[in-house]
């Protein structure tokens, strides 16, 4: 699935506390499948207008954008990779995870 599966064949799962995606998922009775609005190595985007500019001229374009205004600049999401038997913290964000084996 173009834009959802990573180049390494993995997918990311995110549990959000953001109101709009949580509401959509609850009302649909299913998870919402989407890529991150942020492009790797380009930093975080907090405004729909800025997001539209980020994707100008790119092959992959968002199919839709829900503009809820400028988002607060919270700490980033913690990202943990779990592949086979290997667990690796890729980015330590607001939720702190420590593994002791």
PDB file of N, CA and C in Angstrom:
ATOM      1  N   UNK A   1       0.852  -1.166   0.000  1.00  0.00           N
ATOM      2  CA  UNK A   1       0.000   0.000   0.000  1.00  0.00           C
ATOM      3  C   UNK A   1       0.902   1.235   0.000  1.00  0.00           C
ATOM      4  N   UNK A   2       0.932   1.959  -1.079  1.00  0.00           N
ATOM      5  CA  UNK A   2       1.816   3.108  -1.245  1.00  0.00           C
ATOM      6  C   UNK A   2       1.597   4.137  -0.142  1.00  0.00           C
ATOM      7  N   UNK A   3       2.669   4.481   0.562  1.00  0.00           N
ATOM      8  CA  UNK A   3       2.587   5.506   1.583  1.00  0.00           C
ATOM      9  C   UNK A   3       2.257   4.988   2.971  1.00  0.00           C
ATOM     10  N   UNK A   4       1.841   3.723   3.094  1.00  0.00           N
ATOM     11  CA  UNK A   4       1.495   3.174   4.406  1.00  0.00           C
ATOM     12  C   UNK A   4       2.559   2.197   4.885  1.00  0.00           C
ATOM     13  N   UNK A   5       3.034   1.352   3.989  1.00  0.00           N
ATOM     14  CA  UNK A   5       4.081   0.385   4.338  1.00  0.00           C
ATOM     15  C   UNK A   5       5.434   1.044   4.096  1.00  0.00           C
ATOM     16  N   UNK A   6       6.313   0.958   5.099  1.00  0.00           N
ATOM     17  CA  UNK A   6       7.640   1.563   4.997  1.00  0.00           C
ATOM     18  C   UNK A   6       8.498   0.861   3.967  1.00  0.00           C
ATOM     19  N   UNK A   7       9.591   1.494   3.583  1.00  0.00           N
ATOM     20  CA  UNK A   7      10.501   0.908   2.604  1.00  0.00           C
ATOM     21  C   UNK A   7      11.081  -0.413   3.090  1.00  0.00           C
ATOM     22  N   UNK A   8      11.106  -0.603   4.420  1.00  0.00           N
ATOM     23  CA  UNK A   8      11.621  -1.852   4.975  1.00  0.00           C
ATOM     24  C   UNK A   8      10.530  -2.898   5.173  1.00  0.00           C
ATOM     25  N   UNK A   9       9.317  -2.618   4.690  1.00  0.00           N
ATOM     26  CA  UNK A   9       8.212  -3.574   4.780  1.00  0.00           C
ATOM     27  C   UNK A   9       7.469  -3.551   6.100  1.00  0.00           C
ATOM     28  N   UNK A  10       7.740  -2.574   6.948  1.00  0.00           N
ATOM     29  CA  UNK A  10       7.058  -2.488   8.232  1.00  0.00           C
ATOM     30  C   UNK A  10       5.938  -1.449   8.192  1.00  0.00           C
ATOM     31  N   UNK A  11       5.065  -1.536   9.174  1.00  0.00           N
ATOM     32  CA  UNK A  11       4.027  -0.527   9.354  1.00  0.00           C
ATOM     33  C   UNK A  11       4.125   0.012  10.771  1.00  0.00           C
ATOM     34  N   UNK A  12       3.628   1.207  10.982  1.00  0.00           N
ATOM     35  CA  UNK A  12       3.622   1.815  12.308  1.00  0.00           C
ATOM     36  C   UNK A  12       2.192   1.841  12.831  1.00  0.00           C
ATOM     37  N   UNK A  13       2.055   1.604  14.116  1.00  0.00           N
ATOM     38  CA  UNK A  13       0.755   1.660  14.771  1.00  0.00           C
ATOM     39  C   UNK A  13       0.835   2.750  15.823  1.00  0.00           C
ATOM     40  N   UNK A  14      -0.130   3.641  15.818  1.00  0.00           N
ATOM     41  CA  UNK A  14      -0.123   4.760  16.764  1.00  0.00           C
ATOM     42  C   UNK A  14      -1.461   4.828  17.468  1.00  0.00           C
ATOM     43  N   UNK A  15      -1.407   4.953  18.776  1.00  0.00           N
ATOM     44  CA  UNK A  15      -2.618   5.181  19.561  1.00  0.00           C
ATOM     45  C   UNK A  15      -2.584   6.649  19.939  1.00  0.00           C
ATOM     46  N   UNK A  16      -3.596   7.381  19.511  1.00  0.00           N
ATOM     47  CA  UNK A  16      -3.579   8.825  19.694  1.00  0.00           C
ATOM     48  C   UNK A  16      -4.570   9.278  20.749  1.00  0.00           C
ATOM     49  N   UNK A  17      -4.263  10.396  21.340  1.00  0.00           N
ATOM     50  CA  UNK A  17      -5.183  11.032  22.262  1.00  0.00           C
ATOM     51  C   UNK A  17      -5.816  12.256  21.596  1.00  0.00           C
ATOM     52  N   UNK A  18      -5.482  12.484  20.331  1.00  0.00           N
ATOM     53  CA  UNK A  18      -6.039  13.622  19.597  1.00  0.00           C
ATOM     54  C   UNK A  18      -7.527  13.389  19.346  1.00  0.00           C
ATOM     55  N   UNK A  19      -8.325  14.412  19.576  1.00  0.00           N
ATOM     56  CA  UNK A  19      -9.784  14.271  19.555  1.00  0.00           C
ATOM     57  C   UNK A  19     -10.360  13.863  18.200  1.00  0.00           C
ATOM     58  N   UNK A  20      -9.940  14.496  17.121  1.00  0.00           N
ATOM     59  CA  UNK A  20     -10.557  14.236  15.814  1.00  0.00           C
ATOM     60  C   UNK A  20     -10.306  12.812  15.322  1.00  0.00           C
ATOM     61  N   UNK A  21      -9.060  12.326  15.264  1.00  0.00           N
ATOM     62  CA  UNK A  21      -8.881  10.948  14.804  1.00  0.00           C
ATOM     63  C   UNK A  21      -9.504   9.921  15.755  1.00  0.00           C
ATOM     64  N   UNK A  22      -9.471  10.196  17.045  1.00  0.00           N
ATOM     65  CA  UNK A  22     -10.099   9.279  18.006  1.00  0.00           C
ATOM     66  C   UNK A  22     -11.607   9.222  17.768  1.00  0.00           C
ATOM     67  N   UNK A  23     -12.233  10.382  17.546  1.00  0.00           N
ATOM     68  CA  UNK A  23     -13.667  10.446  17.263  1.00  0.00           C
ATOM     69  C   UNK A  23     -14.000   9.702  15.964  1.00  0.00           C
ATOM     70  N   UNK A  24     -13.224   9.934  14.914  1.00  0.00           N
ATOM     71  CA  UNK A  24     -13.469   9.257  13.639  1.00  0.00           C
ATOM     72  C   UNK A  24     -13.398   7.744  13.792  1.00  0.00           C
ATOM     73  N   UNK A  25     -12.391   7.276  14.489  1.00  0.00           N
ATOM     74  CA  UNK A  25     -12.219   5.846  14.698  1.00  0.00           C
ATOM     75  C   UNK A  25     -13.377   5.258  15.490  1.00  0.00           C
ATOM     76  N   UNK A  26     -13.801   5.950  16.534  1.00  0.00           N
ATOM     77  CA  UNK A  26     -14.917   5.476  17.348  1.00  0.00           C
ATOM     78  C   UNK A  26     -16.210   5.441  16.540  1.00  0.00           C
ATOM     79  N   UNK A  27     -16.490   6.486  15.777  1.00  0.00           N
ATOM     80  CA  UNK A  27     -17.723   6.553  14.991  1.00  0.00           C
ATOM     81  C   UNK A  27     -17.735   5.541  13.842  1.00  0.00           C
ATOM     82  N   UNK A  28     -16.583   5.305  13.238  1.00  0.00           N
ATOM     83  CA  UNK A  28     -16.486   4.332  12.153  1.00  0.00           C
ATOM     84  C   UNK A  28     -16.453   2.899  12.674  1.00  0.00           C
ATOM     85  N   UNK A  29     -16.079   2.751  13.937  1.00  0.00           N
ATOM     86  CA  UNK A  29     -15.957   1.421  14.514  1.00  0.00           C
ATOM     87  C   UNK A  29     -14.738   0.668  13.996  1.00  0.00           C
ATOM     88  N   UNK A  30     -13.773   1.396  13.471  1.00  0.00           N
ATOM     89  CA  UNK A  30     -12.562   0.818  12.902  1.00  0.00           C
ATOM     90  C   UNK A  30     -11.390   1.759  13.119  1.00  0.00           C
ATOM     91  N   UNK A  31     -10.182   1.224  13.045  1.00  0.00           N
ATOM     92  CA  UNK A  31      -9.024   2.124  13.122  1.00  0.00           C
ATOM     93  C   UNK A  31      -8.935   2.989  11.865  1.00  0.00           C
ATOM     94  N   UNK A  32      -8.289   4.109  11.990  1.00  0.00           N
ATOM     95  CA  UNK A  32      -8.032   4.984  10.855  1.00  0.00           C
ATOM     96  C   UNK A  32      -6.631   4.665  10.353  1.00  0.00           C
ATOM     97  N   UNK A  33      -6.510   4.367   9.073  1.00  0.00           N
ATOM     98  CA  UNK A  33      -5.220   4.028   8.489  1.00  0.00           C
ATOM     99  C   UNK A  33      -4.733   5.234   7.692  1.00  0.00           C
ATOM    100  N   UNK A  34      -3.556   5.695   8.042  1.00  0.00           N
ATOM    101  CA  UNK A  34      -3.002   6.863   7.360  1.00  0.00           C
ATOM    102  C   UNK A  34      -1.499   6.911   7.593  1.00  0.00           C
ATOM    103  N   UNK A  35      -0.830   7.622   6.743  1.00  0.00           N
ATOM    104  CA  UNK A  35       0.588   7.873   6.969  1.00  0.00           C
ATOM    105  C   UNK A  35       0.698   9.081   7.887  1.00  0.00           C
ATOM    106  N   UNK A  36       1.895   9.335   8.351  1.00  0.00           N
ATOM    107  CA  UNK A  36       2.134  10.556   9.098  1.00  0.00           C
ATOM    108  C   UNK A  36       2.069  11.728   8.127  1.00  0.00           C
ATOM    109  N   UNK A  37       1.553  12.830   8.592  1.00  0.00           N
ATOM    110  CA  UNK A  37       1.548  14.030   7.747  1.00  0.00           C
ATOM    111  C   UNK A  37       2.967  14.557   7.573  1.00  0.00           C
ATOM    112  N   UNK A  38       3.822  14.260   8.539  1.00  0.00           N
ATOM    113  CA  UNK A  38       5.205  14.732   8.486  1.00  0.00           C
ATOM    114  C   UNK A  38       6.040  13.831   7.588  1.00  0.00           C
ATOM    115  N   UNK A  39       6.834  14.427   6.750  1.00  0.00           N
ATOM    116  CA  UNK A  39       7.748  13.671   5.898  1.00  0.00           C
ATOM    117  C   UNK A  39       9.071  13.489   6.638  1.00  0.00           C
ATOM    118  N   UNK A  40       9.646  12.314   6.501  1.00  0.00           N
ATOM    119  CA  UNK A  40      10.896  11.998   7.190  1.00  0.00           C
ATOM    120  C   UNK A  40      11.953  13.061   6.906  1.00  0.00           C
ATOM    121  N   UNK A  41      12.659  13.468   7.921  1.00  0.00           N
ATOM    122  CA  UNK A  41      13.781  14.410   7.840  1.00  0.00           C
ATOM    123  C   UNK A  41      13.411  15.839   7.463  1.00  0.00           C
ATOM    124  N   UNK A  42      12.093  16.159   7.448  1.00  0.00           N
ATOM    125  CA  UNK A  42      11.701  17.535   7.129  1.00  0.00           C
ATOM    126  C   UNK A  42      11.124  18.272   8.331  1.00  0.00           C
ATOM    127  N   UNK A  43      11.107  17.622   9.480  1.00  0.00           N
ATOM    128  CA  UNK A  43      10.565  18.273  10.671  1.00  0.00           C
ATOM    129  C   UNK A  43       9.064  18.114  10.781  1.00  0.00           C
ATOM    130  N   UNK A  44       8.536  18.596  11.878  1.00  0.00           N
ATOM    131  CA  UNK A  44       7.110  18.450  12.157  1.00  0.00           C
ATOM    132  C   UNK A  44       6.318  19.617  11.586  1.00  0.00           C
ATOM    133  N   UNK A  45       5.097  19.319  11.141  1.00  0.00           N
ATOM    134  CA  UNK A  45       4.197  20.321  10.582  1.00  0.00           C
ATOM    135  C   UNK A  45       3.007  20.452  11.527  1.00  0.00           C
ATOM    136  N   UNK A  46       2.634  21.687  11.851  1.00  0.00           N
ATOM    137  CA  UNK A  46       1.558  21.928  12.810  1.00  0.00           C
ATOM    138  C   UNK A  46       0.380  22.688  12.210  1.00  0.00           C
ATOM    139  N   UNK A  47       0.421  22.971  10.914  1.00  0.00           N
ATOM    140  CA  UNK A  47      -0.595  23.796  10.267  1.00  0.00           C
ATOM    141  C   UNK A  47      -0.917  23.212   8.890  1.00  0.00           C
ATOM    142  N   UNK A  48      -2.197  23.093   8.541  1.00  0.00           N
ATOM    143  CA  UNK A  48      -2.617  22.500   7.267  1.00  0.00           C
ATOM    144  C   UNK A  48      -2.037  23.253   6.071  1.00  0.00           C
ATOM    145  N   UNK A  49      -1.968  24.570   6.141  1.00  0.00           N
ATOM    146  CA  UNK A  49      -1.418  25.358   5.025  1.00  0.00           C
ATOM    147  C   UNK A  49       0.057  25.021   4.804  1.00  0.00           C
ATOM    148  N   UNK A  50       0.789  24.849   5.905  1.00  0.00           N
ATOM    149  CA  UNK A  50       2.202  24.471   5.819  1.00  0.00           C
ATOM    150  C   UNK A  50       2.333  23.049   5.261  1.00  0.00           C
ATOM    151  N   UNK A  51       1.412  22.188   5.661  1.00  0.00           N
ATOM    152  CA  UNK A  51       1.418  20.804   5.185  1.00  0.00           C
ATOM    153  C   UNK A  51       1.212  20.746   3.672  1.00  0.00           C
ATOM    154  N   UNK A  52       0.277  21.505   3.166  1.00  0.00           N
ATOM    155  CA  UNK A  52       0.005  21.538   1.721  1.00  0.00           C
ATOM    156  C   UNK A  52       1.257  21.961   0.965  1.00  0.00           C
ATOM    157  N   UNK A  53       1.969  22.965   1.470  1.00  0.00           N
ATOM    158  CA  UNK A  53       3.213  23.413   0.834  1.00  0.00           C
ATOM    159  C   UNK A  53       4.274  22.315   0.844  1.00  0.00           C
ATOM    160  N   UNK A  54       4.324  21.535   1.925  1.00  0.00           N
ATOM    161  CA  UNK A  54       5.306  20.456   2.058  1.00  0.00           C
ATOM    162  C   UNK A  54       5.148  19.421   0.947  1.00  0.00           C
ATOM    163  N   UNK A  55       3.920  19.168   0.529  1.00  0.00           N
ATOM    164  CA  UNK A  55       3.654  18.121  -0.461  1.00  0.00           C
ATOM    165  C   UNK A  55       3.633  18.628  -1.902  1.00  0.00           C
ATOM    166  N   UNK A  56       3.762  19.923  -2.114  1.00  0.00           N
ATOM    167  CA  UNK A  56       3.739  20.467  -3.475  1.00  0.00           C
ATOM    168  C   UNK A  56       4.827  19.825  -4.330  1.00  0.00           C
ATOM    169  N   UNK A  57       4.455  19.333  -5.508  1.00  0.00           N
ATOM    170  CA  UNK A  57       5.398  18.776  -6.458  1.00  0.00           C
ATOM    171  C   UNK A  57       5.862  17.366  -6.147  1.00  0.00           C
ATOM    172  N   UNK A  58       5.343  16.745  -5.112  1.00  0.00           N
ATOM    173  CA  UNK A  58       5.741  15.374  -4.760  1.00  0.00           C
ATOM    174  C   UNK A  58       4.824  14.371  -5.445  1.00  0.00           C
ATOM    175  N   UNK A  59       5.365  13.186  -5.700  1.00  0.00           N
ATOM    176  CA  UNK A  59       4.589  12.131  -6.360  1.00  0.00           C
ATOM    177  C   UNK A  59       3.412  11.686  -5.492  1.00  0.00           C
ATOM    178  N   UNK A  60       3.662  11.485  -4.204  1.00  0.00           N
ATOM    179  CA  UNK A  60       2.622  11.042  -3.290  1.00  0.00           C
ATOM    180  C   UNK A  60       1.939  12.254  -2.686  1.00  0.00           C
ATOM    181  N   UNK A  61       0.628  12.357  -2.874  1.00  0.00           N
ATOM    182  CA  UNK A  61      -0.148  13.472  -2.345  1.00  0.00           C
ATOM    183  C   UNK A  61      -1.187  12.954  -1.352  1.00  0.00           C
ATOM    184  N   UNK A  62      -1.447  13.701  -0.285  1.00  0.00           N
ATOM    185  CA  UNK A  62      -2.514  13.291   0.633  1.00  0.00           C
ATOM    186  C   UNK A  62      -3.858  13.265  -0.094  1.00  0.00           C
ATOM    187  N   UNK A  63      -4.679  12.276   0.240  1.00  0.00           N
ATOM    188  CA  UNK A  63      -6.014  12.193  -0.354  1.00  0.00           C
ATOM    189  C   UNK A  63      -6.979  13.143   0.329  1.00  0.00           C
ATOM    190  N   UNK A  64      -6.666  13.542   1.521  1.00  0.00           N
ATOM    191  CA  UNK A  64      -7.521  14.471   2.244  1.00  0.00           C
ATOM    192  C   UNK A  64      -6.791  15.032   3.448  1.00  0.00           C
ATOM    193  N   UNK A  65      -7.194  16.220   3.850  1.00  0.00           N
ATOM    194  CA  UNK A  65      -6.617  16.872   5.025  1.00  0.00           C
ATOM    195  C   UNK A  65      -7.781  17.424   5.840  1.00  0.00           C
ATOM    196  N   UNK A  66      -7.787  17.123   7.118  1.00  0.00           N
ATOM    197  CA  UNK A  66      -8.778  17.707   8.022  1.00  0.00           C
ATOM    198  C   UNK A  66      -8.084  18.832   8.762  1.00  0.00           C
ATOM    199  N   UNK A  67      -8.515  20.050   8.482  1.00  0.00           N
ATOM    200  CA  UNK A  67      -7.883  21.230   9.074  1.00  0.00           C
ATOM    201  C   UNK A  67      -8.586  21.559  10.387  1.00  0.00           C
ATOM    202  N   UNK A  68      -7.894  21.347  11.500  1.00  0.00           N
ATOM    203  CA  UNK A  68      -8.441  21.666  12.823  1.00  0.00           C
ATOM    204  C   UNK A  68      -7.722  22.873  13.421  1.00  0.00           C
ATOM    205  N   UNK A  69      -7.080  23.646  12.556  1.00  0.00           N
ATOM    206  CA  UNK A  69      -6.347  24.812  13.017  1.00  0.00           C
ATOM    207  C   UNK A  69      -4.907  24.460  13.314  1.00  0.00           C
ATOM    208  N   UNK A  70      -4.175  25.411  13.826  1.00  0.00           N
ATOM    209  CA  UNK A  70      -2.769  25.201  14.162  1.00  0.00           C
ATOM    210  C   UNK A  70      -2.711  24.304  15.399  1.00  0.00           C
ATOM    211  N   UNK A  71      -1.946  23.231  15.304  1.00  0.00           N
ATOM    212  CA  UNK A  71      -1.836  22.271  16.398  1.00  0.00           C
ATOM    213  C   UNK A  71      -0.826  22.740  17.437  1.00  0.00           C
ATOM    214  N   UNK A  72      -1.040  22.355  18.698  1.00  0.00           N
ATOM    215  CA  UNK A  72      -0.052  22.710  19.719  1.00  0.00           C
ATOM    216  C   UNK A  72       1.253  21.960  19.484  1.00  0.00           C
ATOM    217  N   UNK A  73       2.346  22.572  19.834  1.00  0.00           N
ATOM    218  CA  UNK A  73       3.662  21.949  19.624  1.00  0.00           C
ATOM    219  C   UNK A  73       4.020  21.095  20.840  1.00  0.00           C
ATOM    220  N   UNK A  74       3.424  19.893  20.869  1.00  0.00           N
ATOM    221  CA  UNK A  74       3.688  18.940  21.937  1.00  0.00           C
ATOM    222  C   UNK A  74       4.985  18.197  21.676  1.00  0.00           C
ATOM    223  N   UNK A  75       5.465  17.500  22.700  1.00  0.00           N
ATOM    224  CA  UNK A  75       6.629  16.648  22.512  1.00  0.00           C
ATOM    225  C   UNK A  75       6.305  15.580  21.482  1.00  0.00           C
ATOM    226  N   UNK A  76       7.305  15.085  20.759  1.00  0.00           N
ATOM    227  CA  UNK A  76       7.034  14.085  19.726  1.00  0.00           C
ATOM    228  C   UNK A  76       6.564  12.754  20.308  1.00  0.00           C
ATOM    229  N   UNK A  77       6.007  11.936  19.439  1.00  0.00           N
ATOM    230  CA  UNK A  77       5.556  10.602  19.794  1.00  0.00           C
ATOM    231  C   UNK A  77       6.765   9.710  20.034  1.00  0.00           C
ATOM    232  N   UNK A  78       6.660   8.847  21.037  1.00  0.00           N
ATOM    233  CA  UNK A  78       7.689   7.836  21.250  1.00  0.00           C
ATOM    234  C   UNK A  78       7.517   6.770  20.172  1.00  0.00           C
ATOM    235  N   UNK A  79       8.623   6.379  19.544  1.00  0.00           N
ATOM    236  CA  UNK A  79       8.557   5.367  18.485  1.00  0.00           C
ATOM    237  C   UNK A  79       9.406   4.174  18.895  1.00  0.00           C
ATOM    238  N   UNK A  80       8.763   3.001  18.900  1.00  0.00           N
ATOM    239  CA  UNK A  80       9.438   1.756  19.251  1.00  0.00           C
ATOM    240  C   UNK A  80       9.314   0.807  18.073  1.00  0.00           C
ATOM    241  N   UNK A  81      10.424   0.229  17.675  1.00  0.00           N
ATOM    242  CA  UNK A  81      10.434  -0.765  16.604  1.00  0.00           C
ATOM    243  C   UNK A  81      10.428  -2.156  17.239  1.00  0.00           C
ATOM    244  N   UNK A  82       9.492  -2.996  16.769  1.00  0.00           N
ATOM    245  CA  UNK A  82       9.444  -4.387  17.199  1.00  0.00           C
ATOM    246  C   UNK A  82       9.442  -5.231  15.938  1.00  0.00           C
ATOM    247  N   UNK A  83      10.577  -5.820  15.623  1.00  0.00           N
ATOM    248  CA  UNK A  83      10.721  -6.656  14.436  1.00  0.00           C
ATOM    249  C   UNK A  83      11.345  -7.973  14.885  1.00  0.00           C
ATOM    250  N   UNK A  84      10.613  -9.055  14.596  1.00  0.00           N
ATOM    251  CA  UNK A  84      11.022 -10.385  15.052  1.00  0.00           C
ATOM    252  C   UNK A  84      11.183 -10.336  16.575  1.00  0.00           C
ATOM    253  N   UNK A  85      12.352 -10.657  17.095  1.00  0.00           N
ATOM    254  CA  UNK A  85      12.585 -10.644  18.538  1.00  0.00           C
ATOM    255  C   UNK A  85      13.357  -9.413  18.995  1.00  0.00           C
ATOM    256  N   UNK A  86      13.523  -8.439  18.107  1.00  0.00           N
ATOM    257  CA  UNK A  86      14.326  -7.257  18.426  1.00  0.00           C
ATOM    258  C   UNK A  86      13.419  -6.067  18.739  1.00  0.00           C
ATOM    259  N   UNK A  87      13.616  -5.469  19.920  1.00  0.00           N
ATOM    260  CA  UNK A  87      12.882  -4.274  20.339  1.00  0.00           C
ATOM    261  C   UNK A  87      13.876  -3.131  20.411  1.00  0.00           C
ATOM    262  N   UNK A  88      13.553  -2.032  19.736  1.00  0.00           N
ATOM    263  CA  UNK A  88      14.477  -0.898  19.689  1.00  0.00           C
ATOM    264  C   UNK A  88      13.685   0.404  19.799  1.00  0.00           C
ATOM    265  N   UNK A  89      14.130   1.292  20.666  1.00  0.00           N
ATOM    266  CA  UNK A  89      13.507   2.610  20.775  1.00  0.00           C
ATOM    267  C   UNK A  89      14.128   3.491  19.703  1.00  0.00           C
ATOM    268  N   UNK A  90      13.312   3.918  18.744  1.00  0.00           N
ATOM    269  CA  UNK A  90      13.808   4.755  17.647  1.00  0.00           C
ATOM    270  C   UNK A  90      13.785   6.232  18.026  1.00  0.00           C
ATOM    271  N   UNK A  91      12.753   6.617  18.803  1.00  0.00           N
ATOM    272  CA  UNK A  91      12.673   8.007  19.268  1.00  0.00           C
ATOM    273  C   UNK A  91      11.976   8.020  20.622  1.00  0.00           C
ATOM    274  N   UNK A  92      12.652   8.596  21.603  1.00  0.00           N
ATOM    275  CA  UNK A  92      12.075   8.729  22.938  1.00  0.00           C
ATOM    276  C   UNK A  92      11.307  10.040  22.951  1.00  0.00           C
ATOM    277  N   UNK A  93      10.017   9.963  23.081  1.00  0.00           N
ATOM    278  CA  UNK A  93       9.168  11.151  23.072  1.00  0.00           C
ATOM    279  C   UNK A  93       8.587  11.412  24.437  1.00  0.00           C
ATOM    280  N   UNK A  94       7.352  11.897  24.437  1.00  0.00           N
ATOM    281  CA  UNK A  94       6.683  12.277  25.679  1.00  0.00           C
ATOM    282  C   UNK A  94       6.512  11.082  26.620  1.00  0.00           C
ATOM    283  N   UNK A  95       6.145   9.937  26.069  1.00  0.00           N
ATOM    284  CA  UNK A  95       5.999   8.721  26.880  1.00  0.00           C
ATOM    285  C   UNK A  95       7.365   8.048  26.958  1.00  0.00           C
ATOM    286  N   UNK A  96       7.917   7.938  28.149  1.00  0.00           N
ATOM    287  CA  UNK A  96       9.240   7.359  28.342  1.00  0.00           C
ATOM    288  C   UNK A  96       9.130   5.846  28.462  1.00  0.00           C
ATOM    289  N   UNK A  97       9.938   5.136  27.690  1.00  0.00           N
ATOM    290  CA  UNK A  97       9.963   3.685  27.725  1.00  0.00           C
ATOM    291  C   UNK A  97      11.388   3.245  28.015  1.00  0.00           C
ATOM    292  N   UNK A  98      11.515   2.379  28.982  1.00  0.00           N
ATOM    293  CA  UNK A  98      12.814   1.811  29.327  1.00  0.00           C
ATOM    294  C   UNK A  98      12.692   0.302  29.320  1.00  0.00           C
ATOM    295  N   UNK A  99      13.588  -0.376  28.657  1.00  0.00           N
ATOM    296  CA  UNK A  99      13.593  -1.833  28.607  1.00  0.00           C
ATOM    297  C   UNK A  99      14.750  -2.344  29.424  1.00  0.00           C
ATOM    298  N   UNK A 100      14.467  -3.284  30.287  1.00  0.00           N
ATOM    299  CA  UNK A 100      15.522  -3.937  31.051  1.00  0.00           C
ATOM    300  C   UNK A 100      15.392  -5.426  30.823  1.00  0.00           C
ATOM    301  N   UNK A 101      16.375  -5.998  30.142  1.00  0.00           N
ATOM    302  CA  UNK A 101      16.341  -7.432  29.861  1.00  0.00           C
ATOM    303  C   UNK A 101      17.465  -8.118  30.595  1.00  0.00           C
TER     304      UNK A 101
END
